[in-house]
Every structure is written in structure tokens, then in C-alpha cells.
């Protein structure tokens, strides 16, 4: 099963709407047979046990290392932009739409 990291806005705009959007995309990915990594679920940890921003980025980079492909959702986000730049730096494929993810490789051919 291909692991897909979802990089998307969190703090710019409505945080609750941003988290819901990523949860909805994660569910759609699951329906298509992928294993999503939805880092915005950490929102619920942050509420109960706040951590510094850079600690979350460090954790996100580790998750990016372990995925097969990064799905970058549209929107303004320094964090998502950093995750995408890191993914490209370490050679992970980055796509911008779910239909661009193949079931057997990184990007659709």
C-alpha cells in the first residue's frame, strides 16, 4: 500500500476548516487504497500538549522521509512549502492532485 503524506495549510485561514479539509482528503485517499499520513491530526495533540512549531516541523520531516509520495494541497503555508522543499531535496515525488498518484509508483505515468 502506497503511503501518501498530505502537505497542506494549517495556520493560515480557519484552522478547523484546514484540519477538516485534510481529514476529508485522507479519507478519500483511503477509499482509493492508499495509506495517508495526515499531519494536521497533530492539531489534537497540540491542543492538549503544546509543542514548539519547529518540533512539529522536525516530526513532519521524519514522516516525509517515510512516505512514498507527497500530495501538496493548494493554499498559503510556510510549513507545507517547507515539507515539499524537503521532499524534493531527498528525492520524494511531489504531486498536486490525488489523480496524479499512481498505485504502483510515485507519480502517474
N, C-alpha and C. Protein backbone atom coordinates (compact mmCIF):
# COMPACT_ATOMS: atom_id res chain seq x y z
N UNK A 1 0.85 -1.18 0.00
CA UNK A 1 0.00 0.00 0.00
C UNK A 1 0.89 1.24 0.00
N UNK A 2 0.64 2.13 -0.91
CA UNK A 2 1.43 3.35 -1.04
C UNK A 2 1.08 4.33 0.07
N UNK A 3 2.13 4.92 0.69
CA UNK A 3 1.96 5.89 1.77
C UNK A 3 2.05 7.30 1.19
N UNK A 4 1.01 8.10 1.44
CA UNK A 4 0.90 9.45 0.89
C UNK A 4 0.89 10.47 2.03
N UNK A 5 1.90 11.34 2.05
CA UNK A 5 1.96 12.43 3.02
C UNK A 5 1.18 13.61 2.46
N UNK A 6 0.26 14.17 3.24
CA UNK A 6 -0.54 15.30 2.80
C UNK A 6 0.05 16.58 3.38
N UNK A 7 0.55 17.44 2.51
CA UNK A 7 1.09 18.75 2.90
C UNK A 7 0.05 19.80 2.56
N UNK A 8 -0.44 20.51 3.57
CA UNK A 8 -1.49 21.50 3.33
C UNK A 8 -1.47 22.58 4.39
N UNK A 9 -2.15 23.70 4.11
CA UNK A 9 -2.19 24.80 5.08
C UNK A 9 -2.81 24.39 6.41
N UNK A 10 -2.29 25.02 7.47
CA UNK A 10 -2.82 24.80 8.81
C UNK A 10 -3.19 26.12 9.48
N UNK A 11 -2.21 26.99 9.67
CA UNK A 11 -2.44 28.19 10.47
C UNK A 11 -2.99 29.38 9.69
N UNK A 12 -2.87 29.39 8.38
CA UNK A 12 -3.41 30.50 7.59
C UNK A 12 -4.87 30.19 7.26
N UNK A 13 -5.75 31.09 7.66
CA UNK A 13 -7.18 30.86 7.46
C UNK A 13 -7.79 30.20 8.68
N UNK A 14 -8.88 29.50 8.46
CA UNK A 14 -9.63 28.83 9.52
C UNK A 14 -8.96 27.48 9.84
N UNK A 15 -8.35 27.39 11.02
CA UNK A 15 -7.62 26.18 11.40
C UNK A 15 -8.54 24.95 11.36
N UNK A 16 -9.74 25.07 11.92
CA UNK A 16 -10.67 23.93 11.93
C UNK A 16 -11.02 23.49 10.52
N UNK A 17 -11.26 24.44 9.63
CA UNK A 17 -11.57 24.10 8.23
C UNK A 17 -10.37 23.45 7.55
N UNK A 18 -9.16 23.92 7.87
CA UNK A 18 -7.95 23.33 7.29
C UNK A 18 -7.76 21.89 7.75
N UNK A 19 -8.01 21.63 9.04
CA UNK A 19 -7.89 20.27 9.57
C UNK A 19 -8.95 19.38 8.90
N UNK A 20 -10.19 19.86 8.82
CA UNK A 20 -11.26 19.07 8.19
C UNK A 20 -10.92 18.75 6.74
N UNK A 21 -10.41 19.72 6.03
CA UNK A 21 -10.04 19.51 4.62
C UNK A 21 -9.04 18.36 4.50
N UNK A 22 -8.02 18.37 5.38
CA UNK A 22 -7.02 17.31 5.30
C UNK A 22 -7.61 15.95 5.70
N UNK A 23 -8.49 15.94 6.69
CA UNK A 23 -9.16 14.69 7.08
C UNK A 23 -10.00 14.16 5.92
N UNK A 24 -10.71 15.04 5.23
CA UNK A 24 -11.53 14.62 4.08
C UNK A 24 -10.65 14.03 2.98
N UNK A 25 -9.51 14.67 2.70
CA UNK A 25 -8.59 14.15 1.67
C UNK A 25 -8.02 12.81 2.11
N UNK A 26 -7.68 12.68 3.40
CA UNK A 26 -7.15 11.41 3.91
C UNK A 26 -8.17 10.30 3.72
N UNK A 27 -9.44 10.58 4.01
CA UNK A 27 -10.49 9.58 3.82
C UNK A 27 -10.62 9.19 2.35
N UNK A 28 -10.56 10.18 1.48
CA UNK A 28 -10.64 9.90 0.03
C UNK A 28 -9.45 9.03 -0.41
N UNK A 29 -8.27 9.33 0.10
CA UNK A 29 -7.09 8.51 -0.23
C UNK A 29 -7.29 7.07 0.26
N UNK A 30 -7.83 6.92 1.46
CA UNK A 30 -8.09 5.57 1.98
C UNK A 30 -9.07 4.83 1.08
N UNK A 31 -10.10 5.52 0.63
CA UNK A 31 -11.08 4.91 -0.27
C UNK A 31 -10.45 4.44 -1.57
N UNK A 32 -9.36 5.09 -1.98
CA UNK A 32 -8.66 4.73 -3.21
C UNK A 32 -7.55 3.71 -2.98
N UNK A 33 -7.38 3.24 -1.74
CA UNK A 33 -6.42 2.19 -1.46
C UNK A 33 -5.05 2.67 -1.01
N UNK A 34 -4.94 3.94 -0.63
CA UNK A 34 -3.67 4.49 -0.16
C UNK A 34 -3.66 4.55 1.37
N UNK A 35 -2.47 4.66 1.93
CA UNK A 35 -2.29 4.87 3.36
C UNK A 35 -1.88 6.33 3.57
N UNK A 36 -2.81 7.18 4.01
CA UNK A 36 -2.48 8.60 4.15
C UNK A 36 -1.76 8.90 5.46
N UNK A 37 -0.86 9.85 5.38
CA UNK A 37 -0.30 10.48 6.57
C UNK A 37 -0.91 11.88 6.60
N UNK A 38 -1.73 12.13 7.61
CA UNK A 38 -2.42 13.40 7.75
C UNK A 38 -1.83 14.15 8.94
N UNK A 39 -0.75 14.91 8.72
CA UNK A 39 -0.07 15.53 9.85
C UNK A 39 -0.91 16.55 10.61
N UNK A 40 -1.97 17.06 10.02
CA UNK A 40 -2.80 18.02 10.74
C UNK A 40 -3.61 17.36 11.85
N UNK A 41 -3.63 16.03 11.89
CA UNK A 41 -4.25 15.37 13.04
C UNK A 41 -3.48 15.69 14.33
N UNK A 42 -2.23 16.12 14.17
CA UNK A 42 -1.45 16.53 15.35
C UNK A 42 -2.06 17.77 16.01
N UNK A 43 -2.98 18.43 15.33
CA UNK A 43 -3.72 19.56 15.90
C UNK A 43 -4.30 19.16 17.26
N UNK A 44 -4.81 17.94 17.36
CA UNK A 44 -5.45 17.48 18.58
C UNK A 44 -4.44 17.22 19.70
N UNK A 45 -3.23 16.84 19.33
CA UNK A 45 -2.16 16.73 20.33
C UNK A 45 -1.76 18.13 20.79
N UNK A 46 -1.60 19.05 19.83
CA UNK A 46 -1.17 20.41 20.13
C UNK A 46 -2.13 21.10 21.11
N UNK A 47 -3.41 20.83 20.99
CA UNK A 47 -4.40 21.43 21.89
C UNK A 47 -4.14 21.00 23.33
N UNK A 48 -3.84 19.72 23.53
CA UNK A 48 -3.66 19.18 24.87
C UNK A 48 -2.23 19.31 25.40
N UNK A 49 -1.26 19.21 24.48
CA UNK A 49 0.16 19.20 24.87
C UNK A 49 0.95 20.06 23.88
N UNK A 50 0.86 21.37 24.01
CA UNK A 50 1.53 22.26 23.04
C UNK A 50 3.03 22.01 22.94
N UNK A 51 3.50 22.10 21.70
CA UNK A 51 4.92 21.94 21.42
C UNK A 51 5.35 23.10 20.52
N UNK A 52 6.63 23.41 20.51
CA UNK A 52 7.11 24.48 19.62
C UNK A 52 6.92 24.10 18.14
N UNK A 53 6.68 25.10 17.32
CA UNK A 53 6.46 24.92 15.88
C UNK A 53 7.57 24.09 15.23
N UNK A 54 8.82 24.43 15.53
CA UNK A 54 9.94 23.72 14.89
C UNK A 54 9.98 22.25 15.27
N UNK A 55 9.46 21.89 16.45
CA UNK A 55 9.39 20.48 16.81
C UNK A 55 8.42 19.74 15.90
N UNK A 56 7.30 20.40 15.59
CA UNK A 56 6.34 19.78 14.67
C UNK A 56 6.94 19.64 13.27
N UNK A 57 7.70 20.63 12.83
CA UNK A 57 8.35 20.54 11.51
C UNK A 57 9.33 19.37 11.49
N UNK A 58 10.08 19.21 12.55
CA UNK A 58 11.03 18.09 12.65
C UNK A 58 10.29 16.75 12.54
N UNK A 59 9.18 16.63 13.23
CA UNK A 59 8.38 15.40 13.17
C UNK A 59 7.82 15.21 11.76
N UNK A 60 7.31 16.30 11.17
CA UNK A 60 6.77 16.21 9.81
C UNK A 60 7.83 15.77 8.81
N UNK A 61 9.04 16.29 8.94
CA UNK A 61 10.12 15.89 8.03
C UNK A 61 10.40 14.39 8.17
N UNK A 62 10.34 13.87 9.38
CA UNK A 62 10.55 12.43 9.57
C UNK A 62 9.45 11.64 8.89
N UNK A 63 8.22 12.13 8.96
CA UNK A 63 7.12 11.45 8.27
C UNK A 63 7.28 11.52 6.76
N UNK A 64 7.75 12.65 6.26
CA UNK A 64 8.01 12.78 4.82
C UNK A 64 9.06 11.75 4.40
N UNK A 65 10.10 11.57 5.19
CA UNK A 65 11.13 10.56 4.88
C UNK A 65 10.52 9.18 4.67
N UNK A 66 9.48 8.88 5.41
CA UNK A 66 8.91 7.53 5.42
C UNK A 66 7.79 7.32 4.40
N UNK A 67 7.38 8.37 3.72
CA UNK A 67 6.28 8.22 2.76
C UNK A 67 6.81 7.85 1.38
N UNK A 68 5.88 7.49 0.50
CA UNK A 68 6.22 7.18 -0.89
C UNK A 68 6.06 8.39 -1.79
N UNK A 69 5.12 9.26 -1.45
CA UNK A 69 4.82 10.44 -2.27
C UNK A 69 4.20 11.52 -1.37
N UNK A 70 4.43 12.78 -1.75
CA UNK A 70 3.83 13.90 -1.03
C UNK A 70 2.74 14.52 -1.91
N UNK A 71 1.56 14.67 -1.34
CA UNK A 71 0.45 15.35 -2.01
C UNK A 71 0.39 16.76 -1.44
N UNK A 72 0.68 17.76 -2.28
CA UNK A 72 0.68 19.16 -1.84
C UNK A 72 -0.64 19.80 -2.22
N UNK A 73 -1.43 20.13 -1.21
CA UNK A 73 -2.72 20.77 -1.46
C UNK A 73 -2.54 22.28 -1.58
N UNK A 74 -3.34 22.88 -2.40
CA UNK A 74 -3.29 24.31 -2.68
C UNK A 74 -3.52 25.13 -1.41
N UNK A 75 -2.86 26.27 -1.33
CA UNK A 75 -3.06 27.21 -0.22
C UNK A 75 -1.74 27.77 0.28
N UNK A 76 -1.84 28.88 0.99
CA UNK A 76 -0.66 29.54 1.53
C UNK A 76 -0.23 28.83 2.81
N UNK A 77 1.02 28.35 2.83
CA UNK A 77 1.51 27.64 4.01
C UNK A 77 3.02 27.55 3.99
N UNK A 78 3.65 28.24 4.91
CA UNK A 78 5.10 28.14 5.04
C UNK A 78 5.50 26.71 5.40
N UNK A 79 4.74 26.08 6.31
CA UNK A 79 5.06 24.72 6.73
C UNK A 79 4.95 23.72 5.59
N UNK A 80 3.84 23.76 4.85
CA UNK A 80 3.66 22.84 3.73
C UNK A 80 4.72 23.09 2.66
N UNK A 81 5.05 24.36 2.42
CA UNK A 81 6.10 24.68 1.44
C UNK A 81 7.44 24.10 1.89
N UNK A 82 7.73 24.17 3.18
CA UNK A 82 8.98 23.58 3.70
C UNK A 82 8.97 22.06 3.57
N UNK A 83 7.83 21.43 3.82
CA UNK A 83 7.72 19.97 3.67
C UNK A 83 7.95 19.56 2.23
N UNK A 84 7.36 20.30 1.30
CA UNK A 84 7.53 20.00 -0.13
C UNK A 84 8.99 20.19 -0.55
N UNK A 85 9.61 21.27 -0.12
CA UNK A 85 11.02 21.52 -0.45
C UNK A 85 11.90 20.40 0.10
N UNK A 86 11.60 19.97 1.32
CA UNK A 86 12.36 18.87 1.92
C UNK A 86 12.16 17.58 1.13
N UNK A 87 10.91 17.29 0.76
CA UNK A 87 10.62 16.08 -0.01
C UNK A 87 11.42 16.07 -1.31
N UNK A 88 11.41 17.19 -2.01
CA UNK A 88 12.15 17.27 -3.27
C UNK A 88 13.65 17.10 -3.03
N UNK A 89 14.15 17.69 -1.96
CA UNK A 89 15.58 17.60 -1.63
C UNK A 89 16.01 16.15 -1.42
N UNK A 90 15.13 15.34 -0.81
CA UNK A 90 15.51 13.94 -0.55
C UNK A 90 15.00 12.99 -1.63
N UNK A 91 14.46 13.55 -2.71
CA UNK A 91 14.08 12.74 -3.86
C UNK A 91 12.71 12.10 -3.81
N UNK A 92 11.83 12.60 -2.95
CA UNK A 92 10.46 12.07 -2.90
C UNK A 92 9.63 12.76 -3.98
N UNK A 93 8.78 12.03 -4.67
CA UNK A 93 7.92 12.67 -5.66
C UNK A 93 6.87 13.54 -4.97
N UNK A 94 6.54 14.65 -5.60
CA UNK A 94 5.52 15.57 -5.11
C UNK A 94 4.47 15.72 -6.19
N UNK A 95 3.20 15.57 -5.82
CA UNK A 95 2.09 15.74 -6.74
C UNK A 95 1.14 16.79 -6.17
N UNK A 96 0.26 17.29 -7.03
CA UNK A 96 -0.62 18.37 -6.63
C UNK A 96 -2.10 18.02 -6.75
N UNK A 97 -2.39 16.77 -7.09
CA UNK A 97 -3.77 16.29 -7.17
C UNK A 97 -3.78 14.79 -6.93
N UNK A 98 -4.84 14.32 -6.30
CA UNK A 98 -4.94 12.89 -5.98
C UNK A 98 -4.83 12.04 -7.24
N UNK A 99 -5.44 12.47 -8.34
CA UNK A 99 -5.42 11.66 -9.54
C UNK A 99 -4.01 11.54 -10.14
N UNK A 100 -3.06 12.34 -9.64
CA UNK A 100 -1.68 12.24 -10.11
C UNK A 100 -0.86 11.19 -9.36
N UNK A 101 -1.48 10.51 -8.41
CA UNK A 101 -0.79 9.46 -7.66
C UNK A 101 -1.15 8.12 -8.28
N UNK A 102 -0.13 7.38 -8.68
CA UNK A 102 -0.39 6.05 -9.23
C UNK A 102 -0.38 5.06 -8.08
N UNK A 103 -0.92 3.88 -8.33
CA UNK A 103 -0.96 2.86 -7.28
C UNK A 103 0.33 2.06 -7.20
N UNK A 104 1.22 2.20 -8.22
CA UNK A 104 2.43 1.38 -8.21
C UNK A 104 3.73 2.18 -8.22
N UNK A 105 3.65 3.49 -8.31
CA UNK A 105 4.85 4.32 -8.30
C UNK A 105 4.52 5.63 -7.62
N UNK A 106 5.39 6.61 -7.75
CA UNK A 106 5.14 7.90 -7.11
C UNK A 106 4.11 8.70 -7.88
N UNK A 107 4.44 9.07 -9.09
CA UNK A 107 3.54 9.88 -9.90
C UNK A 107 2.92 9.01 -10.99
N UNK A 108 1.75 9.42 -11.43
CA UNK A 108 1.13 8.72 -12.56
C UNK A 108 2.00 8.89 -13.79
N UNK A 109 1.99 7.91 -14.64
CA UNK A 109 2.78 7.97 -15.86
C UNK A 109 1.97 8.55 -16.98
